[in-house]
């Protein structure tokens, strides 16, 4: 652990990604304090107003402050992303652990179910679910969960296939440990690295999915200040107020970039193969 700490702090992707992600999270948490106006506060005299001291990112067609709406929109996007990633990770991890450990017909059944979900285009399946269930934070989260858990299942299964052959797992079997104890006490702790990396990357993917659903009109309905809806609505006024779409799109891009950099950095730090390759290069250099 002490040897990995310096590597973590010298990993540019990890540091930059963590700073961006932490900034977005703090803005969402303290949105009522950093927002300069109410999200529904209208100022028709200053509609389509460009960035000014009073409205640092400008206003929309109703004179609402764009900065305040984006800050509160971060709460919606992050809430949906956290719910979706947490549930997807739990479901996919359990499926992957069970399939990888037991193998045989259990593995075949669970992986074929996984393949069925992978056979549907993700955005089409998500749109269908939201169209049936209706808008709402939980329904949008459920739509993302249904299309996201499969990645965790496949990665955890492949990791479990390797870990179940390790000596400490075989020793636990010889001592009479139950399958549940072996799976959750011996295998799962050693499979957390890939899961953490997938979850970090999954936050960015979930934000994109939520924004895409809102952009297409299947997310939370207005007046909810979702990033996707703000981006879609801004396209109607590209000639009069281009900053509506530009700022909204840039916010989504920077946020997703932050979580992706965080995930890449965590992968470099947590992946033992990365460390061994780095150590091999150092040894050769010496």
C-alpha atoms as a PDB file:
ATOM      1  CA  UNK A   1       0.000   0.000   0.000  1.00  0.00           C
ATOM      2  CA  UNK A   2       2.801   2.412   0.843  1.00  0.00           C
ATOM      3  CA  UNK A   3       4.447   1.731  -2.510  1.00  0.00           C
ATOM      4  CA  UNK A   4       1.259   2.481  -4.473  1.00  0.00           C
ATOM      5  CA  UNK A   5       0.580   5.844  -2.847  1.00  0.00           C
ATOM      6  CA  UNK A   6       3.359   7.737  -4.663  1.00  0.00           C
ATOM      7  CA  UNK A   7       2.313   6.119  -7.945  1.00  0.00           C
ATOM      8  CA  UNK A   8      -1.255   7.299  -7.398  1.00  0.00           C
ATOM      9  CA  UNK A   9      -0.170  10.891  -6.847  1.00  0.00           C
ATOM     10  CA  UNK A  10       2.122  10.853  -9.879  1.00  0.00           C
ATOM     11  CA  UNK A  11      -0.569   9.451 -12.169  1.00  0.00           C
ATOM     12  CA  UNK A  12      -1.754  12.468 -14.177  1.00  0.00           C
ATOM     13  CA  UNK A  13      -5.025  10.872 -15.292  1.00  0.00           C
ATOM     14  CA  UNK A  14      -5.930   9.920 -11.735  1.00  0.00           C
ATOM     15  CA  UNK A  15      -5.116  13.335 -10.255  1.00  0.00           C
ATOM     16  CA  UNK A  16      -6.822  15.377 -12.973  1.00  0.00           C
ATOM     17  CA  UNK A  17      -9.843  13.071 -13.076  1.00  0.00           C
ATOM     18  CA  UNK A  18     -10.189  13.165  -9.293  1.00  0.00           C
ATOM     19  CA  UNK A  19     -10.017  16.978  -9.233  1.00  0.00           C
ATOM     20  CA  UNK A  20     -12.661  17.357 -11.963  1.00  0.00           C
ATOM     21  CA  UNK A  21     -14.949  14.731 -10.433  1.00  0.00           C
ATOM     22  CA  UNK A  22     -14.601  16.156  -6.925  1.00  0.00           C
ATOM     23  CA  UNK A  23     -15.367  19.661  -8.194  1.00  0.00           C
ATOM     24  CA  UNK A  24     -18.569  18.508  -9.916  1.00  0.00           C
ATOM     25  CA  UNK A  25     -19.635  16.516  -6.842  1.00  0.00           C
ATOM     26  CA  UNK A  26     -19.027  19.457  -4.498  1.00  0.00           C
ATOM     27  CA  UNK A  27     -20.960  21.805  -6.791  1.00  0.00           C
ATOM     28  CA  UNK A  28     -23.885  19.380  -6.773  1.00  0.00           C
ATOM     29  CA  UNK A  29     -23.821  18.963  -2.991  1.00  0.00           C
ATOM     30  CA  UNK A  30     -23.622  22.706  -2.301  1.00  0.00           C
ATOM     31  CA  UNK A  31     -25.851  23.757  -5.195  1.00  0.00           C
ATOM     32  CA  UNK A  32     -28.159  25.937  -3.049  1.00  0.00           C
ATOM     33  CA  UNK A  33     -25.133  27.903  -1.858  1.00  0.00           C
ATOM     34  CA  UNK A  34     -23.230  28.303  -5.141  1.00  0.00           C
ATOM     35  CA  UNK A  35     -26.265  29.016  -7.315  1.00  0.00           C
ATOM     36  CA  UNK A  36     -26.757  32.732  -7.825  1.00  0.00           C
ATOM     37  CA  UNK A  37     -30.470  32.567  -8.701  1.00  0.00           C
ATOM     38  CA  UNK A  38     -33.444  30.279  -8.289  1.00  0.00           C
ATOM     39  CA  UNK A  39     -33.718  27.700 -11.059  1.00  0.00           C
ATOM     40  CA  UNK A  40     -37.209  28.940 -11.956  1.00  0.00           C
ATOM     41  CA  UNK A  41     -36.548  32.632 -11.280  1.00  0.00           C
ATOM     42  CA  UNK A  42     -37.437  34.474 -14.493  1.00  0.00           C
ATOM     43  CA  UNK A  43     -36.182  37.832 -15.709  1.00  0.00           C
ATOM     44  CA  UNK A  44     -37.949  38.531 -18.996  1.00  0.00           C
ATOM     45  CA  UNK A  45     -36.101  41.832 -19.414  1.00  0.00           C
ATOM     46  CA  UNK A  46     -32.821  39.916 -19.672  1.00  0.00           C
ATOM     47  CA  UNK A  47     -33.904  36.891 -21.701  1.00  0.00           C
ATOM     48  CA  UNK A  48     -31.207  35.574 -24.040  1.00  0.00           C
ATOM     49  CA  UNK A  49     -28.710  37.648 -22.104  1.00  0.00           C
ATOM     50  CA  UNK A  50     -25.103  36.632 -22.724  1.00  0.00           C
ATOM     51  CA  UNK A  51     -22.569  35.997 -19.962  1.00  0.00           C
ATOM     52  CA  UNK A  52     -22.470  38.976 -17.599  1.00  0.00           C
ATOM     53  CA  UNK A  53     -21.454  39.691 -14.027  1.00  0.00           C
ATOM     54  CA  UNK A  54     -25.028  39.013 -12.869  1.00  0.00           C
ATOM     55  CA  UNK A  55     -25.484  35.922 -15.048  1.00  0.00           C
ATOM     56  CA  UNK A  56     -22.021  34.414 -15.484  1.00  0.00           C
ATOM     57  CA  UNK A  57     -23.183  31.890 -18.103  1.00  0.00           C
ATOM     58  CA  UNK A  58     -26.053  33.902 -19.549  1.00  0.00           C
ATOM     59  CA  UNK A  59     -29.808  33.328 -19.472  1.00  0.00           C
ATOM     60  CA  UNK A  60     -32.320  31.282 -21.466  1.00  0.00           C
ATOM     61  CA  UNK A  61     -35.467  32.345 -23.304  1.00  0.00           C
ATOM     62  CA  UNK A  62     -37.280  32.892 -20.000  1.00  0.00           C
ATOM     63  CA  UNK A  63     -34.456  34.868 -18.452  1.00  0.00           C
ATOM     64  CA  UNK A  64     -33.497  32.008 -16.116  1.00  0.00           C
ATOM     65  CA  UNK A  65     -29.893  31.880 -14.958  1.00  0.00           C
ATOM     66  CA  UNK A  66     -28.016  29.134 -16.819  1.00  0.00           C
ATOM     67  CA  UNK A  67     -25.294  28.689 -14.168  1.00  0.00           C
ATOM     68  CA  UNK A  68     -27.869  28.000 -11.449  1.00  0.00           C
ATOM     69  CA  UNK A  69     -29.745  25.508 -13.620  1.00  0.00           C
ATOM     70  CA  UNK A  70     -26.581  23.642 -14.550  1.00  0.00           C
ATOM     71  CA  UNK A  71     -25.462  23.420 -10.919  1.00  0.00           C
ATOM     72  CA  UNK A  72     -28.799  21.974  -9.831  1.00  0.00           C
ATOM     73  CA  UNK A  73     -28.796  19.779 -12.926  1.00  0.00           C
ATOM     74  CA  UNK A  74     -25.589  18.215 -11.631  1.00  0.00           C
ATOM     75  CA  UNK A  75     -27.592  16.895  -8.677  1.00  0.00           C
ATOM     76  CA  UNK A  76     -29.988  15.086 -10.993  1.00  0.00           C
ATOM     77  CA  UNK A  77     -27.283  13.618 -13.215  1.00  0.00           C
ATOM     78  CA  UNK A  78     -25.091  12.471 -10.324  1.00  0.00           C
ATOM     79  CA  UNK A  79     -28.033  11.033  -8.374  1.00  0.00           C
ATOM     80  CA  UNK A  80     -29.127   8.930 -11.342  1.00  0.00           C
ATOM     81  CA  UNK A  81     -25.526   7.935 -12.105  1.00  0.00           C
ATOM     82  CA  UNK A  82     -24.811   6.816  -8.522  1.00  0.00           C
ATOM     83  CA  UNK A  83     -28.046   4.827  -8.259  1.00  0.00           C
ATOM     84  CA  UNK A  84     -27.524   3.183 -11.644  1.00  0.00           C
ATOM     85  CA  UNK A  85     -23.848   2.348 -11.123  1.00  0.00           C
ATOM     86  CA  UNK A  86     -24.359   1.009  -7.591  1.00  0.00           C
ATOM     87  CA  UNK A  87     -27.222  -1.274  -8.592  1.00  0.00           C
ATOM     88  CA  UNK A  88     -25.512  -2.364 -11.825  1.00  0.00           C
ATOM     89  CA  UNK A  89     -22.305  -3.198  -9.974  1.00  0.00           C
ATOM     90  CA  UNK A  90     -24.146  -5.254  -7.351  1.00  0.00           C
ATOM     91  CA  UNK A  91     -26.229  -7.198  -9.865  1.00  0.00           C
ATOM     92  CA  UNK A  92     -23.414  -7.748 -12.341  1.00  0.00           C
ATOM     93  CA  UNK A  93     -20.903  -8.682  -9.641  1.00  0.00           C
ATOM     94  CA  UNK A  94     -23.194 -11.319  -8.100  1.00  0.00           C
ATOM     95  CA  UNK A  95     -23.989 -12.802 -11.510  1.00  0.00           C
ATOM     96  CA  UNK A  96     -20.318 -12.841 -12.513  1.00  0.00           C
ATOM     97  CA  UNK A  97     -19.180 -14.395  -9.235  1.00  0.00           C
ATOM     98  CA  UNK A  98     -21.774 -17.156  -9.327  1.00  0.00           C
ATOM     99  CA  UNK A  99     -21.211 -17.925 -13.014  1.00  0.00           C
ATOM    100  CA  UNK A 100     -17.433 -17.936 -12.727  1.00  0.00           C
ATOM    101  CA  UNK A 101     -17.241 -19.981  -9.537  1.00  0.00           C
ATOM    102  CA  UNK A 102     -19.756 -22.735 -10.278  1.00  0.00           C
ATOM    103  CA  UNK A 103     -19.197 -22.960 -14.039  1.00  0.00           C
ATOM    104  CA  UNK A 104     -21.048 -25.690 -15.954  1.00  0.00           C
ATOM    105  CA  UNK A 105     -24.736 -25.228 -16.643  1.00  0.00           C
ATOM    106  CA  UNK A 106     -24.968 -22.363 -14.120  1.00  0.00           C
ATOM    107  CA  UNK A 107     -22.372 -20.418 -16.098  1.00  0.00           C
ATOM    108  CA  UNK A 108     -24.056 -21.249 -19.398  1.00  0.00           C
ATOM    109  CA  UNK A 109     -27.510 -20.106 -18.255  1.00  0.00           C
ATOM    110  CA  UNK A 110     -26.315 -16.858 -16.667  1.00  0.00           C
ATOM    111  CA  UNK A 111     -24.056 -15.938 -19.584  1.00  0.00           C
ATOM    112  CA  UNK A 112     -26.763 -16.656 -22.153  1.00  0.00           C
ATOM    113  CA  UNK A 113     -29.107 -14.349 -20.228  1.00  0.00           C
ATOM    114  CA  UNK A 114     -26.342 -11.767 -20.272  1.00  0.00           C
ATOM    115  CA  UNK A 115     -25.947 -12.243 -24.033  1.00  0.00           C
ATOM    116  CA  UNK A 116     -29.672 -11.650 -24.525  1.00  0.00           C
ATOM    117  CA  UNK A 117     -29.419  -8.251 -22.839  1.00  0.00           C
ATOM    118  CA  UNK A 118     -26.267  -7.468 -24.830  1.00  0.00           C
ATOM    119  CA  UNK A 119     -28.140  -8.299 -28.028  1.00  0.00           C
ATOM    120  CA  UNK A 120     -30.334  -5.203 -27.689  1.00  0.00           C
ATOM    121  CA  UNK A 121     -28.923  -1.789 -28.601  1.00  0.00           C
ATOM    122  CA  UNK A 122     -28.444  -0.089 -25.260  1.00  0.00           C
ATOM    123  CA  UNK A 123     -30.122   3.213 -26.090  1.00  0.00           C
ATOM    124  CA  UNK A 124     -33.101   1.495 -27.749  1.00  0.00           C
ATOM    125  CA  UNK A 125     -33.666  -0.750 -24.726  1.00  0.00           C
ATOM    126  CA  UNK A 126     -33.360   2.217 -22.349  1.00  0.00           C
ATOM    127  CA  UNK A 127     -35.815   4.255 -24.431  1.00  0.00           C
ATOM    128  CA  UNK A 128     -38.304   1.389 -24.435  1.00  0.00           C
ATOM    129  CA  UNK A 129     -38.139   1.010 -20.654  1.00  0.00           C
ATOM    130  CA  UNK A 130     -38.622   4.719 -19.972  1.00  0.00           C
ATOM    131  CA  UNK A 131     -41.412   4.904 -22.554  1.00  0.00           C
ATOM    132  CA  UNK A 132     -43.282   2.130 -20.748  1.00  0.00           C
ATOM    133  CA  UNK A 133     -42.580   3.197 -17.152  1.00  0.00           C
ATOM    134  CA  UNK A 134     -42.677   6.946 -17.686  1.00  0.00           C
ATOM    135  CA  UNK A 135     -40.210   9.671 -16.654  1.00  0.00           C
ATOM    136  CA  UNK A 136     -38.710   9.942 -13.208  1.00  0.00           C
ATOM    137  CA  UNK A 137     -35.371   9.541 -11.480  1.00  0.00           C
ATOM    138  CA  UNK A 138     -35.977   5.913 -10.483  1.00  0.00           C
ATOM    139  CA  UNK A 139     -37.341   4.909 -13.898  1.00  0.00           C
ATOM    140  CA  UNK A 140     -34.428   6.505 -15.751  1.00  0.00           C
ATOM    141  CA  UNK A 141     -32.043   4.840 -13.293  1.00  0.00           C
ATOM    142  CA  UNK A 142     -33.734   1.476 -13.893  1.00  0.00           C
ATOM    143  CA  UNK A 143     -33.381   1.901 -17.656  1.00  0.00           C
ATOM    144  CA  UNK A 144     -29.642   2.490 -17.275  1.00  0.00           C
ATOM    145  CA  UNK A 145     -29.275  -0.430 -14.831  1.00  0.00           C
ATOM    146  CA  UNK A 146     -30.879  -2.864 -17.279  1.00  0.00           C
ATOM    147  CA  UNK A 147     -28.318  -2.040 -19.966  1.00  0.00           C
ATOM    148  CA  UNK A 148     -25.264  -1.574 -17.704  1.00  0.00           C
ATOM    149  CA  UNK A 149     -25.073  -4.626 -15.416  1.00  0.00           C
ATOM    150  CA  UNK A 150     -23.904  -6.948 -18.205  1.00  0.00           C
ATOM    151  CA  UNK A 151     -20.441  -5.385 -18.403  1.00  0.00           C
ATOM    152  CA  UNK A 152     -19.816  -6.029 -14.719  1.00  0.00           C
ATOM    153  CA  UNK A 153     -21.044  -9.615 -15.074  1.00  0.00           C
ATOM    154  CA  UNK A 154     -18.655 -10.459 -17.897  1.00  0.00           C
ATOM    155  CA  UNK A 155     -15.605  -8.817 -16.324  1.00  0.00           C
ATOM    156  CA  UNK A 156     -16.204 -10.308 -12.863  1.00  0.00           C
ATOM    157  CA  UNK A 157     -16.838 -13.758 -14.377  1.00  0.00           C
ATOM    158  CA  UNK A 158     -13.521 -13.708 -16.230  1.00  0.00           C
ATOM    159  CA  UNK A 159     -11.722 -12.573 -13.068  1.00  0.00           C
ATOM    160  CA  UNK A 160     -13.438 -15.263 -10.994  1.00  0.00           C
ATOM    161  CA  UNK A 161     -12.394 -17.986 -13.446  1.00  0.00           C
ATOM    162  CA  UNK A 162      -8.787 -17.096 -12.688  1.00  0.00           C
ATOM    163  CA  UNK A 163      -9.157 -16.553  -8.940  1.00  0.00           C
ATOM    164  CA  UNK A 164     -11.015 -19.807  -8.262  1.00  0.00           C
ATOM    165  CA  UNK A 165      -7.892 -21.751  -9.271  1.00  0.00           C
ATOM    166  CA  UNK A 166      -5.644 -19.930  -6.807  1.00  0.00           C
ATOM    167  CA  UNK A 167      -4.119 -21.845  -3.899  1.00  0.00           C
ATOM    168  CA  UNK A 168      -5.935 -19.907  -1.182  1.00  0.00           C
ATOM    169  CA  UNK A 169      -9.306 -20.747  -2.772  1.00  0.00           C
ATOM    170  CA  UNK A 170      -8.371 -24.415  -3.066  1.00  0.00           C
ATOM    171  CA  UNK A 171      -7.226 -24.370   0.566  1.00  0.00           C
ATOM    172  CA  UNK A 172     -10.570 -22.905   1.664  1.00  0.00           C
ATOM    173  CA  UNK A 173     -12.379 -25.664  -0.222  1.00  0.00           C
ATOM    174  CA  UNK A 174     -10.208 -28.306   1.442  1.00  0.00           C
ATOM    175  CA  UNK A 175     -11.063 -26.862   4.847  1.00  0.00           C
ATOM    176  CA  UNK A 176     -14.767 -27.267   4.075  1.00  0.00           C
ATOM    177  CA  UNK A 177     -15.700 -23.624   3.550  1.00  0.00           C
ATOM    178  CA  UNK A 178     -19.105 -23.118   1.965  1.00  0.00           C
ATOM    179  CA  UNK A 179     -19.348 -21.771  -1.612  1.00  0.00           C
ATOM    180  CA  UNK A 180     -20.903 -18.539  -0.320  1.00  0.00           C
ATOM    181  CA  UNK A 181     -18.000 -17.985   2.082  1.00  0.00           C
ATOM    182  CA  UNK A 182     -15.428 -18.702  -0.613  1.00  0.00           C
ATOM    183  CA  UNK A 183     -17.139 -16.397  -3.115  1.00  0.00           C
ATOM    184  CA  UNK A 184     -17.641 -13.420  -0.810  1.00  0.00           C
ATOM    185  CA  UNK A 185     -14.703 -13.822   1.574  1.00  0.00           C
ATOM    186  CA  UNK A 186     -11.949 -15.126  -0.697  1.00  0.00           C
ATOM    187  CA  UNK A 187     -12.760 -14.222  -4.309  1.00  0.00           C
ATOM    188  CA  UNK A 188     -14.699 -10.969  -4.093  1.00  0.00           C
ATOM    189  CA  UNK A 189     -12.049  -8.971  -2.150  1.00  0.00           C
ATOM    190  CA  UNK A 190      -9.486  -9.882  -4.792  1.00  0.00           C
ATOM    191  CA  UNK A 191     -11.840  -8.903  -7.626  1.00  0.00           C
ATOM    192  CA  UNK A 192     -12.612  -5.416  -6.309  1.00  0.00           C
ATOM    193  CA  UNK A 193      -9.964  -3.706  -8.453  1.00  0.00           C
ATOM    194  CA  UNK A 194     -11.707  -4.255 -11.819  1.00  0.00           C
ATOM    195  CA  UNK A 195     -15.089  -3.509 -10.229  1.00  0.00           C
ATOM    196  CA  UNK A 196     -13.894  -0.138  -8.883  1.00  0.00           C
ATOM    197  CA  UNK A 197     -12.454   0.799 -12.266  1.00  0.00           C
ATOM    198  CA  UNK A 198     -15.657  -0.195 -14.076  1.00  0.00           C
ATOM    199  CA  UNK A 199     -17.746   1.785 -11.590  1.00  0.00           C
ATOM    200  CA  UNK A 200     -15.626   4.920 -12.126  1.00  0.00           C
ATOM    201  CA  UNK A 201     -15.975   4.625 -15.892  1.00  0.00           C
ATOM    202  CA  UNK A 202     -19.640   3.696 -15.490  1.00  0.00           C
ATOM    203  CA  UNK A 203     -20.449   7.007 -13.806  1.00  0.00           C
ATOM    204  CA  UNK A 204     -19.488   8.852 -16.974  1.00  0.00           C
ATOM    205  CA  UNK A 205     -21.432   6.411 -19.132  1.00  0.00           C
ATOM    206  CA  UNK A 206     -24.509   6.764 -16.920  1.00  0.00           C
ATOM    207  CA  UNK A 207     -24.365  10.554 -17.176  1.00  0.00           C
ATOM    208  CA  UNK A 208     -24.193  10.311 -20.960  1.00  0.00           C
ATOM    209  CA  UNK A 209     -27.139   7.884 -20.980  1.00  0.00           C
ATOM    210  CA  UNK A 210     -29.248  10.137 -18.762  1.00  0.00           C
ATOM    211  CA  UNK A 211     -28.378  13.167 -20.881  1.00  0.00           C
ATOM    212  CA  UNK A 212     -29.227  11.269 -24.072  1.00  0.00           C
ATOM    213  CA  UNK A 213     -32.613  10.221 -22.705  1.00  0.00           C
ATOM    214  CA  UNK A 214     -33.351  13.800 -21.625  1.00  0.00           C
ATOM    215  CA  UNK A 215     -32.140  15.138 -24.970  1.00  0.00           C
ATOM    216  CA  UNK A 216     -34.587  12.830 -26.771  1.00  0.00           C
ATOM    217  CA  UNK A 217     -37.417  13.862 -24.453  1.00  0.00           C
ATOM    218  CA  UNK A 218     -37.553  10.631 -22.408  1.00  0.00           C
ATOM    219  CA  UNK A 219     -35.797  11.873 -19.292  1.00  0.00           C
ATOM    220  CA  UNK A 220     -37.143  13.997 -16.493  1.00  0.00           C
ATOM    221  CA  UNK A 221     -39.715  16.436 -17.903  1.00  0.00           C
ATOM    222  CA  UNK A 222     -39.271  20.213 -17.689  1.00  0.00           C
ATOM    223  CA  UNK A 223     -38.943  22.327 -15.649  1.00  0.00           C
ATOM    224  CA  UNK A 224     -36.350  19.894 -14.219  1.00  0.00           C
ATOM    225  CA  UNK A 225     -32.956  21.445 -15.126  1.00  0.00           C
ATOM    226  CA  UNK A 226     -31.407  18.300 -16.608  1.00  0.00           C
ATOM    227  CA  UNK A 227     -28.302  18.774 -18.711  1.00  0.00           C
ATOM    228  CA  UNK A 228     -29.699  16.829 -21.646  1.00  0.00           C
ATOM    229  CA  UNK A 229     -32.912  18.842 -21.766  1.00  0.00           C
ATOM    230  CA  UNK A 230     -31.000  22.131 -21.492  1.00  0.00           C
ATOM    231  CA  UNK A 231     -28.799  21.030 -24.387  1.00  0.00           C
ATOM    232  CA  UNK A 232     -31.766  19.945 -26.512  1.00  0.00           C
ATOM    233  CA  UNK A 233     -33.757  23.090 -25.747  1.00  0.00           C
ATOM    234  CA  UNK A 234     -30.752  25.263 -26.526  1.00  0.00           C
ATOM    235  CA  UNK A 235     -30.513  23.892 -30.064  1.00  0.00           C
ATOM    236  CA  UNK A 236     -33.728  25.749 -30.866  1.00  0.00           C
ATOM    237  CA  UNK A 237     -31.994  29.048 -30.204  1.00  0.00           C
ATOM    238  CA  UNK A 238     -28.543  28.431 -31.635  1.00  0.00           C
ATOM    239  CA  UNK A 239     -28.626  31.683 -33.637  1.00  0.00           C
ATOM    240  CA  UNK A 240     -29.914  33.860 -30.794  1.00  0.00           C
ATOM    241  CA  UNK A 241     -28.243  32.222 -27.788  1.00  0.00           C
ATOM    242  CA  UNK A 242     -25.582  29.681 -28.792  1.00  0.00           C
ATOM    243  CA  UNK A 243     -24.191  29.594 -25.256  1.00  0.00           C
ATOM    244  CA  UNK A 244     -27.207  27.549 -24.089  1.00  0.00           C
ATOM    245  CA  UNK A 245     -26.109  24.488 -26.055  1.00  0.00           C
ATOM    246  CA  UNK A 246     -22.377  25.160 -25.939  1.00  0.00           C
ATOM    247  CA  UNK A 247     -22.201  25.495 -22.148  1.00  0.00           C
ATOM    248  CA  UNK A 248     -24.539  22.550 -21.549  1.00  0.00           C
ATOM    249  CA  UNK A 249     -22.609  20.321 -23.924  1.00  0.00           C
ATOM    250  CA  UNK A 250     -19.281  21.413 -22.441  1.00  0.00           C
ATOM    251  CA  UNK A 251     -20.545  20.649 -18.928  1.00  0.00           C
ATOM    252  CA  UNK A 252     -21.473  17.102 -19.930  1.00  0.00           C
ATOM    253  CA  UNK A 253     -18.162  16.645 -21.765  1.00  0.00           C
ATOM    254  CA  UNK A 254     -15.992  17.873 -18.874  1.00  0.00           C
ATOM    255  CA  UNK A 255     -17.889  15.799 -16.300  1.00  0.00           C
ATOM    256  CA  UNK A 256     -17.667  12.592 -18.332  1.00  0.00           C
ATOM    257  CA  UNK A 257     -14.014  13.316 -19.105  1.00  0.00           C
ATOM    258  CA  UNK A 258     -13.307  13.661 -15.391  1.00  0.00           C
ATOM    259  CA  UNK A 259     -14.829  10.289 -14.511  1.00  0.00           C
ATOM    260  CA  UNK A 260     -13.139   8.602 -17.486  1.00  0.00           C
ATOM    261  CA  UNK A 261      -9.737   9.975 -16.486  1.00  0.00           C
ATOM    262  CA  UNK A 262     -10.415   8.852 -12.925  1.00  0.00           C
ATOM    263  CA  UNK A 263     -11.256   5.359 -14.147  1.00  0.00           C
ATOM    264  CA  UNK A 264      -8.160   5.175 -16.351  1.00  0.00           C
ATOM    265  CA  UNK A 265      -5.970   6.338 -13.489  1.00  0.00           C
ATOM    266  CA  UNK A 266      -7.463   3.816 -11.073  1.00  0.00           C
ATOM    267  CA  UNK A 267      -6.903   1.060 -13.616  1.00  0.00           C
ATOM    268  CA  UNK A 268      -3.219   1.964 -13.884  1.00  0.00           C
ATOM    269  CA  UNK A 269      -2.810   2.022 -10.107  1.00  0.00           C
ATOM    270  CA  UNK A 270      -4.935  -0.991  -9.154  1.00  0.00           C
ATOM    271  CA  UNK A 271      -4.019  -3.372 -11.994  1.00  0.00           C
ATOM    272  CA  UNK A 272      -1.142  -5.571 -10.772  1.00  0.00           C
ATOM    273  CA  UNK A 273      -0.151  -6.292 -14.368  1.00  0.00           C
ATOM    274  CA  UNK A 274       0.445  -2.583 -14.907  1.00  0.00           C
ATOM    275  CA  UNK A 275       2.641  -2.530 -11.810  1.00  0.00           C
ATOM    276  CA  UNK A 276       4.562  -5.620 -12.862  1.00  0.00           C
ATOM    277  CA  UNK A 277       5.158  -4.242 -16.330  1.00  0.00           C
ATOM    278  CA  UNK A 278       6.378  -0.983 -14.793  1.00  0.00           C
ATOM    279  CA  UNK A 279       8.640  -2.921 -12.441  1.00  0.00           C
ATOM    280  CA  UNK A 280       9.988  -4.997 -15.309  1.00  0.00           C
ATOM    281  CA  UNK A 281      10.882  -1.886 -17.264  1.00  0.00           C
ATOM    282  CA  UNK A 282      12.593  -0.379 -14.252  1.00  0.00           C
ATOM    283  CA  UNK A 283      14.579  -3.541 -13.691  1.00  0.00           C
ATOM    284  CA  UNK A 284      15.733  -3.604 -17.291  1.00  0.00           C
ATOM    285  CA  UNK A 285      16.681   0.034 -17.127  1.00  0.00           C
ATOM    286  CA  UNK A 286      18.830  -0.656 -14.113  1.00  0.00           C
END
